[in-house]
N, C-alpha and C. Protein backbone atom coordinates (compact mmCIF):
# COMPACT_ATOMS: atom_id res chain seq x y z
N UNK A 1 201.41 39.28 69.11
CA UNK A 1 201.03 40.36 68.23
C UNK A 1 201.48 40.03 66.81
N UNK A 2 200.64 40.34 65.85
CA UNK A 2 200.92 40.00 64.46
C UNK A 2 201.98 40.93 63.87
N UNK A 3 202.83 40.36 63.04
CA UNK A 3 203.85 41.15 62.33
C UNK A 3 203.45 41.37 60.87
N UNK A 4 202.59 40.52 60.36
CA UNK A 4 202.21 40.57 58.95
C UNK A 4 201.12 41.63 58.77
N UNK A 5 201.31 42.45 57.75
CA UNK A 5 200.42 43.59 57.52
C UNK A 5 198.97 43.17 57.34
N UNK A 6 198.74 42.11 56.58
CA UNK A 6 197.37 41.65 56.32
C UNK A 6 196.72 41.11 57.59
N UNK A 7 197.53 40.50 58.46
CA UNK A 7 196.98 39.97 59.71
C UNK A 7 196.66 41.11 60.69
N UNK A 8 197.45 42.17 60.66
CA UNK A 8 197.16 43.34 61.49
C UNK A 8 195.82 43.94 61.08
N UNK A 9 195.61 44.03 59.77
CA UNK A 9 194.33 44.55 59.25
C UNK A 9 193.19 43.63 59.63
N UNK A 10 193.40 42.34 59.49
CA UNK A 10 192.35 41.35 59.81
C UNK A 10 191.99 41.44 61.30
N UNK A 11 192.98 41.64 62.16
CA UNK A 11 192.72 41.79 63.59
C UNK A 11 191.85 43.01 63.87
N UNK A 12 192.13 44.12 63.16
CA UNK A 12 191.31 45.33 63.31
C UNK A 12 189.88 45.08 62.86
N UNK A 13 189.74 44.36 61.74
CA UNK A 13 188.40 44.05 61.23
C UNK A 13 187.65 43.15 62.19
N UNK A 14 188.34 42.17 62.75
CA UNK A 14 187.71 41.25 63.71
C UNK A 14 187.24 42.00 64.95
N UNK A 15 188.05 42.94 65.41
CA UNK A 15 187.68 43.73 66.60
C UNK A 15 186.44 44.57 66.32
N UNK A 16 186.39 45.19 65.14
CA UNK A 16 185.23 46.02 64.77
C UNK A 16 183.98 45.17 64.66
N UNK A 17 184.11 43.99 64.06
CA UNK A 17 182.97 43.08 63.91
C UNK A 17 182.50 42.58 65.27
N UNK A 18 183.45 42.31 66.16
CA UNK A 18 183.10 41.83 67.49
C UNK A 18 182.27 42.87 68.23
N UNK A 19 182.67 44.13 68.14
CA UNK A 19 181.93 45.20 68.81
C UNK A 19 180.54 45.38 68.18
N UNK A 20 180.46 45.25 66.86
CA UNK A 20 179.17 45.37 66.17
C UNK A 20 178.24 44.23 66.57
N UNK A 21 178.78 43.02 66.58
CA UNK A 21 177.97 41.84 66.89
C UNK A 21 177.50 41.84 68.34
N UNK A 22 178.30 42.42 69.21
CA UNK A 22 178.00 42.45 70.64
C UNK A 22 176.67 43.15 70.92
N UNK A 23 176.38 44.18 70.14
CA UNK A 23 175.13 44.94 70.31
C UNK A 23 173.94 44.04 70.09
N UNK A 24 173.96 43.29 68.99
CA UNK A 24 172.82 42.44 68.65
C UNK A 24 172.70 41.25 69.60
N UNK A 25 173.83 40.64 69.96
CA UNK A 25 173.80 39.50 70.87
C UNK A 25 173.33 39.93 72.26
N UNK A 26 173.82 41.07 72.71
CA UNK A 26 173.45 41.58 74.03
C UNK A 26 171.99 41.96 74.11
N UNK A 27 171.48 42.61 73.07
CA UNK A 27 170.07 43.01 73.11
C UNK A 27 169.17 41.78 73.04
N UNK A 28 169.55 40.78 72.28
CA UNK A 28 168.77 39.54 72.21
C UNK A 28 168.72 38.89 73.59
N UNK A 29 169.86 38.82 74.26
CA UNK A 29 169.91 38.24 75.60
C UNK A 29 169.02 39.01 76.57
N UNK A 30 169.11 40.33 76.50
CA UNK A 30 168.33 41.18 77.41
C UNK A 30 166.84 40.96 77.22
N UNK A 31 166.39 40.97 75.96
CA UNK A 31 164.96 40.80 75.68
C UNK A 31 164.47 39.41 76.08
N UNK A 32 165.30 38.40 75.87
CA UNK A 32 164.92 37.04 76.26
C UNK A 32 164.79 36.96 77.78
N UNK A 33 165.73 37.58 78.49
CA UNK A 33 165.69 37.58 79.95
C UNK A 33 164.44 38.29 80.46
N UNK A 34 164.10 39.42 79.85
CA UNK A 34 162.89 40.15 80.25
C UNK A 34 161.64 39.32 79.99
N UNK A 35 161.61 38.64 78.87
CA UNK A 35 160.46 37.80 78.53
C UNK A 35 160.32 36.66 79.53
N UNK A 36 161.43 36.04 79.88
CA UNK A 36 161.39 34.94 80.84
C UNK A 36 160.91 35.41 82.21
N UNK A 37 161.33 36.60 82.63
CA UNK A 37 160.87 37.08 83.93
C UNK A 37 159.39 37.43 83.89
N UNK A 38 158.89 37.94 82.76
CA UNK A 38 157.46 38.22 82.62
C UNK A 38 156.66 36.92 82.63
N UNK A 39 157.21 35.90 82.03
CA UNK A 39 156.54 34.58 82.02
C UNK A 39 156.50 34.01 83.43
N UNK A 40 157.61 34.13 84.17
CA UNK A 40 157.64 33.64 85.55
C UNK A 40 156.64 34.37 86.43
N UNK A 41 156.42 35.67 86.14
CA UNK A 41 155.45 36.46 86.90
C UNK A 41 154.02 36.10 86.51
N UNK A 42 153.87 35.33 85.45
CA UNK A 42 152.57 34.87 84.94
C UNK A 42 151.64 36.04 84.60
N UNK A 43 152.22 37.10 84.07
CA UNK A 43 151.46 38.25 83.57
C UNK A 43 151.38 38.08 82.05
N UNK A 44 150.26 37.54 81.56
CA UNK A 44 150.20 37.13 80.16
C UNK A 44 150.25 38.30 79.18
N UNK A 45 149.68 39.47 79.54
CA UNK A 45 149.73 40.62 78.62
C UNK A 45 151.17 41.12 78.47
N UNK A 46 151.84 41.30 79.61
CA UNK A 46 153.22 41.76 79.59
C UNK A 46 154.12 40.70 78.94
N UNK A 47 153.87 39.43 79.26
CA UNK A 47 154.68 38.35 78.72
C UNK A 47 154.56 38.30 77.20
N UNK A 48 153.37 38.50 76.68
CA UNK A 48 153.18 38.46 75.22
C UNK A 48 154.01 39.56 74.54
N UNK A 49 153.95 40.77 75.09
CA UNK A 49 154.71 41.88 74.52
C UNK A 49 156.22 41.60 74.58
N UNK A 50 156.66 41.09 75.71
CA UNK A 50 158.09 40.83 75.88
C UNK A 50 158.57 39.67 75.00
N UNK A 51 157.73 38.66 74.84
CA UNK A 51 158.09 37.53 73.98
C UNK A 51 158.23 38.00 72.53
N UNK A 52 157.33 38.86 72.08
CA UNK A 52 157.40 39.38 70.72
C UNK A 52 158.68 40.20 70.51
N UNK A 53 159.05 41.00 71.52
CA UNK A 53 160.29 41.77 71.43
C UNK A 53 161.50 40.84 71.37
N UNK A 54 161.47 39.79 72.18
CA UNK A 54 162.58 38.84 72.21
C UNK A 54 162.71 38.12 70.87
N UNK A 55 161.58 37.73 70.30
CA UNK A 55 161.60 37.04 69.00
C UNK A 55 162.17 37.97 67.93
N UNK A 56 161.76 39.22 67.97
CA UNK A 56 162.27 40.21 67.00
C UNK A 56 163.78 40.36 67.14
N UNK A 57 164.27 40.44 68.38
CA UNK A 57 165.71 40.59 68.62
C UNK A 57 166.48 39.36 68.17
N UNK A 58 165.93 38.17 68.44
CA UNK A 58 166.60 36.94 68.01
C UNK A 58 166.64 36.84 66.49
N UNK A 59 165.55 37.22 65.83
CA UNK A 59 165.52 37.19 64.37
C UNK A 59 166.54 38.16 63.78
N UNK A 60 166.65 39.32 64.39
CA UNK A 60 167.59 40.32 63.89
C UNK A 60 169.02 39.82 64.06
N UNK A 61 169.32 39.24 65.21
CA UNK A 61 170.66 38.71 65.45
C UNK A 61 170.98 37.59 64.46
N UNK A 62 170.00 36.74 64.17
CA UNK A 62 170.21 35.65 63.23
C UNK A 62 170.41 36.18 61.81
N UNK A 63 169.65 37.21 61.44
CA UNK A 63 169.77 37.75 60.09
C UNK A 63 171.10 38.44 59.88
N UNK A 64 171.67 38.99 60.95
CA UNK A 64 172.98 39.64 60.86
C UNK A 64 174.12 38.63 60.92
N UNK A 65 173.79 37.38 61.24
CA UNK A 65 174.82 36.35 61.32
C UNK A 65 175.52 36.32 62.66
N UNK A 66 174.97 37.01 63.65
CA UNK A 66 175.59 37.04 64.98
C UNK A 66 175.39 35.71 65.68
N UNK A 67 174.18 35.15 65.54
CA UNK A 67 173.92 33.80 66.04
C UNK A 67 173.39 32.97 64.87
N UNK A 68 173.51 31.68 64.97
CA UNK A 68 173.05 30.79 63.90
C UNK A 68 171.52 30.78 63.88
N UNK A 69 170.96 30.62 62.69
CA UNK A 69 169.50 30.66 62.56
C UNK A 69 168.83 29.54 63.34
N UNK A 70 169.46 28.39 63.44
CA UNK A 70 168.88 27.29 64.21
C UNK A 70 168.93 27.59 65.71
N UNK A 71 169.97 28.30 66.14
CA UNK A 71 170.08 28.73 67.53
C UNK A 71 168.92 29.66 67.87
N UNK A 72 168.66 30.61 66.98
CA UNK A 72 167.55 31.55 67.19
C UNK A 72 166.23 30.79 67.20
N UNK A 73 166.06 29.86 66.28
CA UNK A 73 164.82 29.10 66.20
C UNK A 73 164.59 28.27 67.47
N UNK A 74 165.65 27.66 67.97
CA UNK A 74 165.55 26.85 69.18
C UNK A 74 165.15 27.72 70.37
N UNK A 75 165.79 28.89 70.50
CA UNK A 75 165.50 29.77 71.62
C UNK A 75 164.09 30.33 71.54
N UNK A 76 163.63 30.65 70.33
CA UNK A 76 162.26 31.15 70.15
C UNK A 76 161.26 30.05 70.49
N UNK A 77 161.56 28.83 70.09
CA UNK A 77 160.67 27.70 70.35
C UNK A 77 160.52 27.46 71.84
N UNK A 78 161.63 27.48 72.57
CA UNK A 78 161.59 27.25 74.01
C UNK A 78 160.83 28.38 74.72
N UNK A 79 161.05 29.60 74.23
CA UNK A 79 160.37 30.75 74.82
C UNK A 79 158.86 30.65 74.60
N UNK A 80 158.46 30.29 73.40
CA UNK A 80 157.03 30.17 73.09
C UNK A 80 156.39 29.02 73.87
N UNK A 81 157.13 27.95 74.07
CA UNK A 81 156.60 26.82 74.84
C UNK A 81 156.32 27.25 76.27
N UNK A 82 157.23 28.03 76.86
CA UNK A 82 157.02 28.52 78.22
C UNK A 82 155.85 29.50 78.28
N UNK A 83 155.79 30.36 77.26
CA UNK A 83 154.69 31.34 77.21
C UNK A 83 153.34 30.65 77.06
N UNK A 84 153.25 29.66 76.18
CA UNK A 84 151.99 28.94 75.95
C UNK A 84 151.57 28.16 77.19
N UNK A 85 152.52 27.72 78.00
CA UNK A 85 152.20 26.97 79.21
C UNK A 85 151.46 27.85 80.23
N UNK A 86 151.84 29.14 80.31
CA UNK A 86 151.14 30.01 81.28
C UNK A 86 149.86 30.59 80.69
N UNK A 87 149.80 30.64 79.37
CA UNK A 87 148.64 31.25 78.70
C UNK A 87 147.39 30.39 78.85
N UNK A 88 147.57 29.09 78.95
CA UNK A 88 146.43 28.16 79.00
C UNK A 88 145.72 28.11 80.33
């Protein structure tokens, strides 16, 4: 446990940021998982809607700094590759 006043404050700030970031990271994961299951079911209409939601969630997480922008780009690229494979 920290004894220094500034470190105690920093720990509180880190905890608050962690809880804030968790929302965006968790929702991105959830939407990506839903999109992947729709792709596996090979339902192209549902998959398209879910992929768009997942991309939106990943972009939001990246813009908030929760995940790195290249991480979001990589995950979106892999998701689109899987979606395009069933669409054809």
